[in-house]
């Protein structure tokens, strides 16, 4: 099989991988809600329990005939650490915002990442976007607002929490952009293994400062954390990192708006949280926006 054929198959698999990754990370808030420990502690174990598996996957790549590039210089390690820094910031600020505002507000504002991805692409990398793409992005974001419309409430006493939700979006935009740039050189396993190691180092003191216990007392508790690590982090973020090697970062950030729609369906199936006509309409608007953004990319 020629190299061109292999590359084409990988590129063709990128869009399904992005959507499957969005579905997998939609399980993350479900796992966090079921966890026996706090949200930041759960985030710490999310990456800590993923690191050994990711290191094994990275080592397995080293035995292949077409060995992927490995970080060699201080600059390489710094760039990989930056991925971990951005994602650790995304998780920490999102969990902090949940404590200062409503879950709906925090989740909605964190999903504004496409705005910052597009803005950074325009200002830093001189990218240009078609009207079709921008229309699709706005439509998908509008769908997210409709999806959470009944639960959103902006109040003066929640300004700090809402601001932290916006900061969360900035950090997630930085994560998407940095992974998208690095995937041209390093493999998914390499990026995930090194960045997850950095995330664990950064999230541990945050969990301790926030006074969260890291003691997991039951097998059920460990099973939930393993699901968070292996399904949402290795599976979900891994597929997203794979997709970012072949898809524009701006479109990928819009495609990931499939996640809140999926999370709403999961909450309905698992926790009997009702889905009304507004949530259904919001989900359809998100899908329409993603479709338009794809056509315009």
Protein backbone atom coordinates (compact mmCIF):
# COMPACT_ATOMS: atom_id res chain seq x y z
CA UNK A 1 0.00 0.00 0.00
CA UNK A 2 1.45 3.37 -1.02
CA UNK A 3 2.16 6.14 1.44
CA UNK A 4 -0.33 8.38 -0.36
CA UNK A 5 -3.13 5.83 0.04
CA UNK A 6 -2.38 5.41 3.75
CA UNK A 7 -2.38 9.17 4.28
CA UNK A 8 -5.69 9.53 2.41
CA UNK A 9 -7.30 6.85 4.59
CA UNK A 10 -6.05 8.62 7.70
CA UNK A 11 -7.45 11.92 6.46
CA UNK A 12 -10.80 10.29 5.63
CA UNK A 13 -10.96 8.92 9.17
CA UNK A 14 -10.34 12.34 10.74
CA UNK A 15 -13.92 13.66 10.65
CA UNK A 16 -15.47 10.49 12.16
CA UNK A 17 -12.68 10.52 14.77
CA UNK A 18 -13.51 14.13 15.70
CA UNK A 19 -17.18 13.33 16.20
CA UNK A 20 -16.48 10.10 18.11
CA UNK A 21 -14.05 12.08 20.29
CA UNK A 22 -16.78 14.65 20.99
CA UNK A 23 -19.15 11.84 22.02
CA UNK A 24 -16.49 10.25 24.27
CA UNK A 25 -15.69 13.50 26.09
CA UNK A 26 -19.44 14.03 26.58
CA UNK A 27 -19.19 11.22 29.13
CA UNK A 28 -16.69 13.27 31.19
CA UNK A 29 -19.27 15.34 33.15
CA UNK A 30 -21.25 12.14 33.72
CA UNK A 31 -18.20 10.42 35.22
CA UNK A 32 -17.38 13.52 37.30
CA UNK A 33 -20.94 13.65 38.60
CA UNK A 34 -20.75 9.97 39.63
CA UNK A 35 -17.27 10.29 41.15
CA UNK A 36 -16.77 9.83 44.89
CA UNK A 37 -14.25 12.70 45.05
CA UNK A 38 -14.29 16.35 44.00
CA UNK A 39 -14.16 17.65 40.42
CA UNK A 40 -10.51 18.77 40.42
CA UNK A 41 -9.43 15.56 42.16
CA UNK A 42 -11.32 13.63 39.49
CA UNK A 43 -9.53 15.65 36.81
CA UNK A 44 -6.19 14.79 38.44
CA UNK A 45 -6.94 11.06 38.38
CA UNK A 46 -8.30 11.45 34.84
CA UNK A 47 -4.81 12.19 33.58
CA UNK A 48 -2.80 10.25 36.17
CA UNK A 49 -4.54 6.96 35.32
CA UNK A 50 -4.20 7.69 31.60
CA UNK A 51 -0.43 8.32 31.63
CA UNK A 52 0.74 4.66 32.00
CA UNK A 53 -1.44 3.54 29.08
CA UNK A 54 -0.30 6.47 26.94
CA UNK A 55 3.35 5.75 27.74
CA UNK A 56 2.87 2.11 26.64
CA UNK A 57 1.25 3.29 23.39
CA UNK A 58 4.10 5.72 22.79
CA UNK A 59 6.68 2.97 23.41
CA UNK A 60 4.83 0.64 21.02
CA UNK A 61 5.11 3.29 18.31
CA UNK A 62 8.89 3.29 18.78
CA UNK A 63 9.07 -0.32 17.62
CA UNK A 64 7.40 0.35 14.29
CA UNK A 65 9.34 0.58 11.05
CA UNK A 66 8.11 4.12 10.46
CA UNK A 67 8.97 5.48 13.88
CA UNK A 68 7.30 8.81 14.68
CA UNK A 69 9.36 11.80 15.75
CA UNK A 70 10.31 12.10 19.41
CA UNK A 71 10.93 15.32 21.35
CA UNK A 72 14.66 16.02 21.46
CA UNK A 73 15.25 19.66 22.27
CA UNK A 74 14.18 21.85 25.17
CA UNK A 75 11.92 23.66 22.71
CA UNK A 76 10.16 20.39 21.83
CA UNK A 77 9.52 19.56 25.48
CA UNK A 78 8.37 23.12 26.11
CA UNK A 79 5.79 22.94 23.31
CA UNK A 80 4.46 19.60 24.56
CA UNK A 81 4.31 20.96 28.10
CA UNK A 82 2.32 23.93 26.80
CA UNK A 83 -0.39 21.53 25.59
CA UNK A 84 -0.65 20.14 29.11
CA UNK A 85 -0.65 23.66 30.57
CA UNK A 86 -3.55 24.76 28.37
CA UNK A 87 -5.66 21.68 29.07
CA UNK A 88 -4.91 21.76 32.81
CA UNK A 89 -5.99 25.41 32.79
CA UNK A 90 -9.15 24.48 30.90
CA UNK A 91 -10.13 21.87 33.50
CA UNK A 92 -9.10 23.93 36.55
CA UNK A 93 -10.86 27.14 35.46
CA UNK A 94 -13.97 25.26 34.35
CA UNK A 95 -14.29 23.53 37.72
CA UNK A 96 -13.58 26.83 39.50
CA UNK A 97 -16.27 28.57 37.44
CA UNK A 98 -18.79 25.87 38.42
CA UNK A 99 -18.25 26.87 42.06
CA UNK A 100 -18.90 30.56 41.29
CA UNK A 101 -21.78 30.36 38.80
CA UNK A 102 -24.33 27.85 37.54
CA UNK A 103 -23.24 24.67 35.77
CA UNK A 104 -25.20 25.78 32.70
CA UNK A 105 -23.44 29.15 32.54
CA UNK A 106 -20.01 27.58 33.06
CA UNK A 107 -20.61 24.93 30.40
CA UNK A 108 -22.05 27.34 27.84
CA UNK A 109 -19.24 29.89 28.21
CA UNK A 110 -16.57 27.16 28.09
CA UNK A 111 -18.01 26.10 24.73
CA UNK A 112 -17.28 29.54 23.26
CA UNK A 113 -13.79 28.26 22.41
CA UNK A 114 -14.46 28.42 18.60
CA UNK A 115 -14.58 32.21 18.81
CA UNK A 116 -11.09 32.36 20.32
CA UNK A 117 -9.71 29.69 17.96
CA UNK A 118 -10.91 31.66 14.94
CA UNK A 119 -9.71 34.96 16.43
CA UNK A 120 -6.24 33.55 17.18
CA UNK A 121 -6.06 31.99 13.72
CA UNK A 122 -6.83 35.36 12.15
CA UNK A 123 -4.56 37.49 14.34
CA UNK A 124 -1.60 35.13 14.88
CA UNK A 125 -1.56 32.92 11.79
CA UNK A 126 -3.20 35.20 9.19
CA UNK A 127 -5.92 32.64 8.48
CA UNK A 128 -8.96 33.71 6.49
CA UNK A 129 -12.43 32.23 6.93
CA UNK A 130 -15.26 32.02 4.44
CA UNK A 131 -18.68 33.49 5.14
CA UNK A 132 -20.12 29.99 5.07
CA UNK A 133 -17.77 28.85 7.83
CA UNK A 134 -18.43 31.92 9.99
CA UNK A 135 -22.19 31.51 9.51
CA UNK A 136 -21.89 27.86 10.54
CA UNK A 137 -19.84 28.77 13.61
CA UNK A 138 -22.34 31.41 14.75
CA UNK A 139 -25.22 29.00 14.10
CA UNK A 140 -23.59 26.22 16.14
CA UNK A 141 -22.92 28.61 19.04
CA UNK A 142 -26.52 29.84 18.83
CA UNK A 143 -27.62 26.22 19.00
CA UNK A 144 -25.58 25.75 22.18
CA UNK A 145 -27.31 28.80 23.71
CA UNK A 146 -30.73 27.41 22.76
CA UNK A 147 -29.80 23.97 24.12
CA UNK A 148 -29.07 25.41 27.56
CA UNK A 149 -31.54 28.29 27.36
CA UNK A 150 -33.80 27.22 30.24
CA UNK A 151 -30.86 26.90 32.65
CA UNK A 152 -28.86 30.02 31.78
CA UNK A 153 -29.17 33.00 34.08
CA UNK A 154 -26.71 35.89 34.18
CA UNK A 155 -26.72 37.64 37.57
CA UNK A 156 -24.45 40.31 39.10
CA UNK A 157 -23.29 38.00 41.90
CA UNK A 158 -22.12 35.44 39.32
CA UNK A 159 -19.92 37.78 37.28
CA UNK A 160 -16.69 36.20 38.54
CA UNK A 161 -17.89 32.70 37.74
CA UNK A 162 -19.06 33.75 34.28
CA UNK A 163 -15.70 35.42 33.64
CA UNK A 164 -13.94 32.21 34.67
CA UNK A 165 -16.10 30.35 32.14
CA UNK A 166 -14.79 32.65 29.40
CA UNK A 167 -11.21 32.05 30.62
CA UNK A 168 -11.94 28.33 30.33
CA UNK A 169 -12.84 28.84 26.66
CA UNK A 170 -9.57 30.71 26.08
CA UNK A 171 -7.54 27.87 27.57
CA UNK A 172 -9.40 25.24 25.55
CA UNK A 173 -8.83 27.28 22.40
CA UNK A 174 -5.11 27.34 23.24
CA UNK A 175 -5.20 23.56 23.68
CA UNK A 176 -6.86 22.99 20.30
CA UNK A 177 -4.48 25.33 18.49
CA UNK A 178 -1.34 23.91 20.13
CA UNK A 179 -2.33 20.30 19.43
CA UNK A 180 -3.22 21.20 15.85
CA UNK A 181 0.24 22.72 15.33
CA UNK A 182 2.15 19.89 17.01
CA UNK A 183 0.29 17.06 15.27
CA UNK A 184 2.17 17.93 12.09
CA UNK A 185 5.32 16.63 13.77
CA UNK A 186 4.48 14.37 16.73
CA UNK A 187 2.10 11.42 17.00
CA UNK A 188 -1.11 11.41 19.01
CA UNK A 189 0.41 9.11 21.66
CA UNK A 190 3.49 11.31 22.07
CA UNK A 191 1.47 14.50 22.51
CA UNK A 192 -1.03 12.85 24.84
CA UNK A 193 1.60 11.08 27.00
CA UNK A 194 3.80 14.13 27.59
CA UNK A 195 0.97 16.66 27.98
CA UNK A 196 -0.97 14.39 30.34
CA UNK A 197 2.11 14.00 32.53
CA UNK A 198 2.38 17.78 32.78
CA UNK A 199 -1.34 18.05 33.52
CA UNK A 200 -1.06 15.61 36.43
CA UNK A 201 1.80 17.65 37.93
CA UNK A 202 -0.20 20.88 37.60
CA UNK A 203 -3.58 19.58 38.78
CA UNK A 204 -2.31 17.88 41.95
CA UNK A 205 -1.52 21.11 43.85
CA UNK A 206 -4.74 22.71 42.55
CA UNK A 207 -6.80 19.86 44.02
CA UNK A 208 -4.95 20.11 47.33
CA UNK A 209 -5.30 23.90 47.51
CA UNK A 210 -9.05 23.57 46.94
CA UNK A 211 -9.19 21.15 49.87
CA UNK A 212 -10.40 18.15 47.90
CA UNK A 213 -9.73 14.64 49.18
CA UNK A 214 -7.83 12.35 46.83
CA UNK A 215 -8.77 9.20 48.77
CA UNK A 216 -10.90 6.80 46.72
CA UNK A 217 -12.47 4.28 49.07
CA UNK A 218 -14.40 1.85 46.85
CA UNK A 219 -13.92 -0.21 43.70
CA UNK A 220 -16.90 1.65 42.26
CA UNK A 221 -15.05 4.94 42.76
CA UNK A 222 -11.96 3.60 40.99
CA UNK A 223 -14.11 2.22 38.14
CA UNK A 224 -15.64 5.66 37.57
CA UNK A 225 -12.18 7.29 37.50
CA UNK A 226 -10.86 4.63 35.12
CA UNK A 227 -13.81 5.31 32.84
CA UNK A 228 -13.01 9.03 32.97
CA UNK A 229 -9.35 8.33 32.16
CA UNK A 230 -9.76 5.67 29.50
CA UNK A 231 -13.03 6.63 27.80
CA UNK A 232 -13.02 10.43 27.96
CA UNK A 233 -9.29 11.20 28.09
CA UNK A 234 -7.48 8.46 26.17
CA UNK A 235 -10.41 7.71 23.87
CA UNK A 236 -12.03 11.11 23.49
CA UNK A 237 -9.05 13.47 23.61
CA UNK A 238 -6.94 10.93 21.73
CA UNK A 239 -9.38 10.83 18.80
CA UNK A 240 -9.61 14.63 18.82
CA UNK A 241 -5.81 14.93 18.76
CA UNK A 242 -5.71 12.46 15.85
CA UNK A 243 -8.32 14.47 13.94
CA UNK A 244 -6.44 17.75 14.45
CA UNK A 245 -3.61 16.42 12.26
CA UNK A 246 -5.97 16.44 9.28
CA UNK A 247 -8.70 19.01 10.00
CA UNK A 248 -8.50 22.81 10.46
CA UNK A 249 -8.41 23.78 14.13
CA UNK A 250 -11.20 26.32 13.66
CA UNK A 251 -13.59 23.77 12.18
CA UNK A 252 -12.59 21.17 14.78
CA UNK A 253 -13.52 23.56 17.59
CA UNK A 254 -16.96 24.01 15.99
CA UNK A 255 -17.35 20.25 15.48
CA UNK A 256 -16.71 19.71 19.17
CA UNK A 257 -19.95 21.58 19.94
CA UNK A 258 -21.50 18.18 19.34
CA UNK A 259 -20.33 17.44 22.91
CA UNK A 260 -22.95 19.48 24.86
CA UNK A 261 -25.74 18.05 22.72
CA UNK A 262 -24.49 14.52 23.41
CA UNK A 263 -24.10 15.28 27.13
CA UNK A 264 -27.75 16.41 27.26
CA UNK A 265 -28.86 13.11 25.71
CA UNK A 266 -26.70 11.13 28.15
CA UNK A 267 -28.11 13.05 31.12
CA UNK A 268 -31.60 12.23 29.86
CA UNK A 269 -30.80 8.52 29.50
CA UNK A 270 -28.85 8.13 32.76
CA UNK A 271 -30.37 10.68 35.15
CA UNK A 272 -33.87 11.18 33.71
CA UNK A 273 -33.12 14.86 33.08
CA UNK A 274 -35.91 15.86 30.70
CA UNK A 275 -35.16 17.09 27.19
CA UNK A 276 -37.77 19.59 26.02
CA UNK A 277 -38.49 20.98 22.60
CA UNK A 278 -35.98 23.79 23.19
CA UNK A 279 -33.11 21.34 23.89
CA UNK A 280 -34.09 19.33 20.81
CA UNK A 281 -34.17 22.45 18.64
CA UNK A 282 -30.81 23.57 20.02
CA UNK A 283 -29.27 20.21 19.15
CA UNK A 284 -30.58 20.42 15.58
CA UNK A 285 -29.26 23.98 15.20
CA UNK A 286 -25.83 22.81 16.42
CA UNK A 287 -25.80 20.03 13.81
CA UNK A 288 -26.82 22.49 11.08
CA UNK A 289 -24.05 24.85 12.15
CA UNK A 290 -21.45 22.08 12.08
CA UNK A 291 -22.61 21.06 8.61
CA UNK A 292 -22.27 24.63 7.32
CA UNK A 293 -18.90 25.12 8.98
CA UNK A 294 -17.63 21.93 7.34
CA UNK A 295 -18.78 23.09 3.91
CA UNK A 296 -17.08 26.42 4.47
CA UNK A 297 -13.75 25.01 5.70
